Amino acid sequence: MDDADQAVVITAVPGGVRLRLRVKPSARADRLVGGHGGALKMEVRAAPEHGKANNAVAAVMADGLQVRRKDVAITAGLGSRNKSVIIRGLSVGDVVSRLEALGIPAKAGS
């Protein structure tokens, strides 16, 4: 993949932004890894059972983007490694700059 494929695509939605995730549950650490085909690749220690991994995903997203946990909503992919999340209260520019501060390339989507 080239650098353009590594950038996380951030899309504006009413009240916030949407982005896709690629999640690895049962990992060694909770962390945002980088971009992968337009999605944000992340790892969580929690196992994918009884919603534990989804709760960890929301917590890691909130911590990484410096928002409250209640401002992160998983909107698709609750039973999948591929998820869609909405972050309320931030603009596309906010998320792009916060991800880039973490060393993760990001760009505005359509």
C-alpha atoms as a PDB file:
ATOM      1  CA  MET A   1       0.000   0.000   0.000  1.00  0.00           C
ATOM      2  CA  ASP A   2       1.160   3.510  -0.679  1.00  0.00           C
ATOM      3  CA  ASP A   3       0.963   6.397   1.788  1.00  0.00           C
ATOM      4  CA  ALA A   4      -2.487   7.440   0.532  1.00  0.00           C
ATOM      5  CA  ASP A   5      -3.851   3.990   1.479  1.00  0.00           C
ATOM      6  CA  GLN A   6      -2.410   4.372   4.972  1.00  0.00           C
ATOM      7  CA  ALA A   7      -4.295   7.587   5.757  1.00  0.00           C
ATOM      8  CA  VAL A   8      -7.374   7.264   7.952  1.00  0.00           C
ATOM      9  CA  VAL A   9     -10.397   8.750   6.179  1.00  0.00           C
ATOM     10  CA  ILE A  10     -12.518  11.023   8.392  1.00  0.00           C
ATOM     11  CA  THR A  11     -16.031  11.945   7.213  1.00  0.00           C
ATOM     12  CA  ALA A  12     -18.214  14.743   8.588  1.00  0.00           C
ATOM     13  CA  VAL A  13     -21.666  13.746   9.870  1.00  0.00           C
ATOM     14  CA  PRO A  14     -24.266  15.848  11.706  1.00  0.00           C
ATOM     15  CA  GLY A  15     -22.830  16.643  15.145  1.00  0.00           C
ATOM     16  CA  GLY A  16     -19.423  15.040  14.627  1.00  0.00           C
ATOM     17  CA  VAL A  17     -17.370  12.733  12.443  1.00  0.00           C
ATOM     18  CA  ARG A  18     -17.389   9.121  11.300  1.00  0.00           C
ATOM     19  CA  LEU A  19     -14.454   6.812  10.724  1.00  0.00           C
ATOM     20  CA  ARG A  20     -13.931   3.142  10.063  1.00  0.00           C
ATOM     21  CA  LEU A  21     -11.915   0.885  12.357  1.00  0.00           C
ATOM     22  CA  ARG A  22     -10.072  -2.388  11.943  1.00  0.00           C
ATOM     23  CA  VAL A  23      -9.803  -3.920  15.417  1.00  0.00           C
ATOM     24  CA  LYS A  24      -7.579  -6.693  16.753  1.00  0.00           C
ATOM     25  CA  PRO A  25      -9.056  -8.003  20.032  1.00  0.00           C
ATOM     26  CA  SER A  26      -7.098 -10.010  22.633  1.00  0.00           C
ATOM     27  CA  ALA A  27      -3.937  -8.028  21.837  1.00  0.00           C
ATOM     28  CA  ARG A  28      -1.031  -7.338  24.169  1.00  0.00           C
ATOM     29  CA  ALA A  29      -1.917  -3.668  24.600  1.00  0.00           C
ATOM     30  CA  ASP A  30      -4.662  -1.117  24.033  1.00  0.00           C
ATOM     31  CA  ARG A  31      -3.398   1.167  21.281  1.00  0.00           C
ATOM     32  CA  LEU A  32      -4.091   2.992  18.061  1.00  0.00           C
ATOM     33  CA  VAL A  33      -1.770   1.416  15.475  1.00  0.00           C
ATOM     34  CA  GLY A  34      -2.180   3.438  12.270  1.00  0.00           C
ATOM     35  CA  GLY A  35      -4.023   3.571   8.995  1.00  0.00           C
ATOM     36  CA  HIS A  36      -5.029   0.569   6.934  1.00  0.00           C
ATOM     37  CA  GLY A  37      -6.983   0.994   3.706  1.00  0.00           C
ATOM     38  CA  GLY A  38      -8.696   4.157   4.954  1.00  0.00           C
ATOM     39  CA  ALA A  39      -9.571   2.666   8.340  1.00  0.00           C
ATOM     40  CA  LEU A  40      -7.917   3.239  11.712  1.00  0.00           C
ATOM     41  CA  LYS A  41      -6.214   0.058  12.838  1.00  0.00           C
ATOM     42  CA  MET A  42      -6.290  -0.503  16.584  1.00  0.00           C
ATOM     43  CA  GLU A  43      -5.636  -3.197  19.159  1.00  0.00           C
ATOM     44  CA  VAL A  44      -7.436  -3.878  22.435  1.00  0.00           C
ATOM     45  CA  ARG A  45      -6.547  -6.300  25.216  1.00  0.00           C
ATOM     46  CA  ALA A  46     -10.163  -7.264  25.843  1.00  0.00           C
ATOM     47  CA  ALA A  47     -11.525 -10.495  24.410  1.00  0.00           C
ATOM     48  CA  PRO A  48     -14.358 -10.346  21.875  1.00  0.00           C
ATOM     49  CA  GLU A  49     -16.991 -11.676  24.270  1.00  0.00           C
ATOM     50  CA  HIS A  50     -20.013 -10.107  25.934  1.00  0.00           C
ATOM     51  CA  GLY A  51     -19.193  -6.670  24.470  1.00  0.00           C
ATOM     52  CA  LYS A  52     -15.868  -6.385  26.300  1.00  0.00           C
ATOM     53  CA  ALA A  53     -13.852  -5.617  23.166  1.00  0.00           C
ATOM     54  CA  ASN A  54     -16.418  -3.050  21.971  1.00  0.00           C
ATOM     55  CA  ASN A  55     -16.274  -1.261  25.336  1.00  0.00           C
ATOM     56  CA  ALA A  56     -12.484  -1.253  25.128  1.00  0.00           C
ATOM     57  CA  VAL A  57     -12.612   0.104  21.550  1.00  0.00           C
ATOM     58  CA  ALA A  58     -14.753   3.037  22.660  1.00  0.00           C
ATOM     59  CA  ALA A  59     -12.492   3.725  25.651  1.00  0.00           C
ATOM     60  CA  VAL A  60      -9.291   3.632  23.564  1.00  0.00           C
ATOM     61  CA  MET A  61     -10.875   5.917  20.939  1.00  0.00           C
ATOM     62  CA  ALA A  62     -11.995   8.379  23.607  1.00  0.00           C
ATOM     63  CA  ASP A  63      -8.570   8.420  25.221  1.00  0.00           C
ATOM     64  CA  GLY A  64      -6.685   8.717  21.931  1.00  0.00           C
ATOM     65  CA  LEU A  65      -8.876  11.531  20.605  1.00  0.00           C
ATOM     66  CA  GLN A  66      -9.211  13.272  23.981  1.00  0.00           C
ATOM     67  CA  VAL A  67     -13.002  13.129  24.177  1.00  0.00           C
ATOM     68  CA  ARG A  68     -15.418  11.763  26.748  1.00  0.00           C
ATOM     69  CA  ARG A  69     -16.296   8.077  26.466  1.00  0.00           C
ATOM     70  CA  LYS A  70     -19.969   8.975  25.951  1.00  0.00           C
ATOM     71  CA  ASP A  71     -19.028  10.934  22.799  1.00  0.00           C
ATOM     72  CA  VAL A  72     -17.837   7.740  21.051  1.00  0.00           C
ATOM     73  CA  ALA A  73     -20.511   5.495  19.508  1.00  0.00           C
ATOM     74  CA  ILE A  74     -19.936   2.290  17.572  1.00  0.00           C
ATOM     75  CA  THR A  75     -22.555   2.450  14.838  1.00  0.00           C
ATOM     76  CA  ALA A  76     -21.747  -0.682  12.827  1.00  0.00           C
ATOM     77  CA  GLY A  77     -19.784  -3.885  13.230  1.00  0.00           C
ATOM     78  CA  LEU A  78     -20.511  -4.756  16.855  1.00  0.00           C
ATOM     79  CA  GLY A  79     -19.726  -8.419  16.111  1.00  0.00           C
ATOM     80  CA  SER A  80     -16.956  -7.773  13.604  1.00  0.00           C
ATOM     81  CA  ARG A  81     -13.353  -6.611  13.484  1.00  0.00           C
ATOM     82  CA  ASN A  82     -14.487  -3.989  10.957  1.00  0.00           C
ATOM     83  CA  LYS A  83     -16.407  -1.246  12.728  1.00  0.00           C
ATOM     84  CA  SER A  84     -17.739   2.225  12.115  1.00  0.00           C
ATOM     85  CA  VAL A  85     -17.693   4.826  14.882  1.00  0.00           C
ATOM     86  CA  ILE A  86     -19.057   8.300  15.297  1.00  0.00           C
ATOM     87  CA  ILE A  87     -17.196  10.808  17.441  1.00  0.00           C
ATOM     88  CA  ARG A  88     -19.544  13.557  18.582  1.00  0.00           C
ATOM     89  CA  GLY A  89     -18.437  17.134  19.120  1.00  0.00           C
ATOM     90  CA  LEU A  90     -15.339  17.141  16.915  1.00  0.00           C
ATOM     91  CA  SER A  91     -14.768  18.405  13.391  1.00  0.00           C
ATOM     92  CA  VAL A  92     -12.888  16.558  10.667  1.00  0.00           C
ATOM     93  CA  GLY A  93      -9.979  18.951  11.184  1.00  0.00           C
ATOM     94  CA  ASP A  94      -9.946  18.229  14.922  1.00  0.00           C
ATOM     95  CA  VAL A  95      -9.686  14.484  14.373  1.00  0.00           C
ATOM     96  CA  VAL A  96      -7.124  14.792  11.579  1.00  0.00           C
ATOM     97  CA  SER A  97      -4.867  16.959  13.750  1.00  0.00           C
ATOM     98  CA  ARG A  98      -5.273  14.719  16.835  1.00  0.00           C
ATOM     99  CA  LEU A  99      -4.460  11.566  14.877  1.00  0.00           C
ATOM    100  CA  GLU A 100      -1.510  13.216  13.152  1.00  0.00           C
ATOM    101  CA  ALA A 101      -0.205  14.312  16.570  1.00  0.00           C
ATOM    102  CA  LEU A 102      -0.137  10.586  17.393  1.00  0.00           C
ATOM    103  CA  GLY A 103       1.824   9.893  14.209  1.00  0.00           C
ATOM    104  CA  ILE A 104      -1.187   8.497  12.326  1.00  0.00           C
ATOM    105  CA  PRO A 105      -1.828  10.017   8.871  1.00  0.00           C
ATOM    106  CA  ALA A 106      -5.422  11.109   8.333  1.00  0.00           C
ATOM    107  CA  LYS A 107      -7.426  12.989   5.729  1.00  0.00           C
ATOM    108  CA  ALA A 108     -10.891  14.369   5.125  1.00  0.00           C
ATOM    109  CA  GLY A 109     -13.250  12.107   3.224  1.00  0.00           C
ATOM    110  CA  SER A 110     -16.378  12.832   1.281  1.00  0.00           C
END
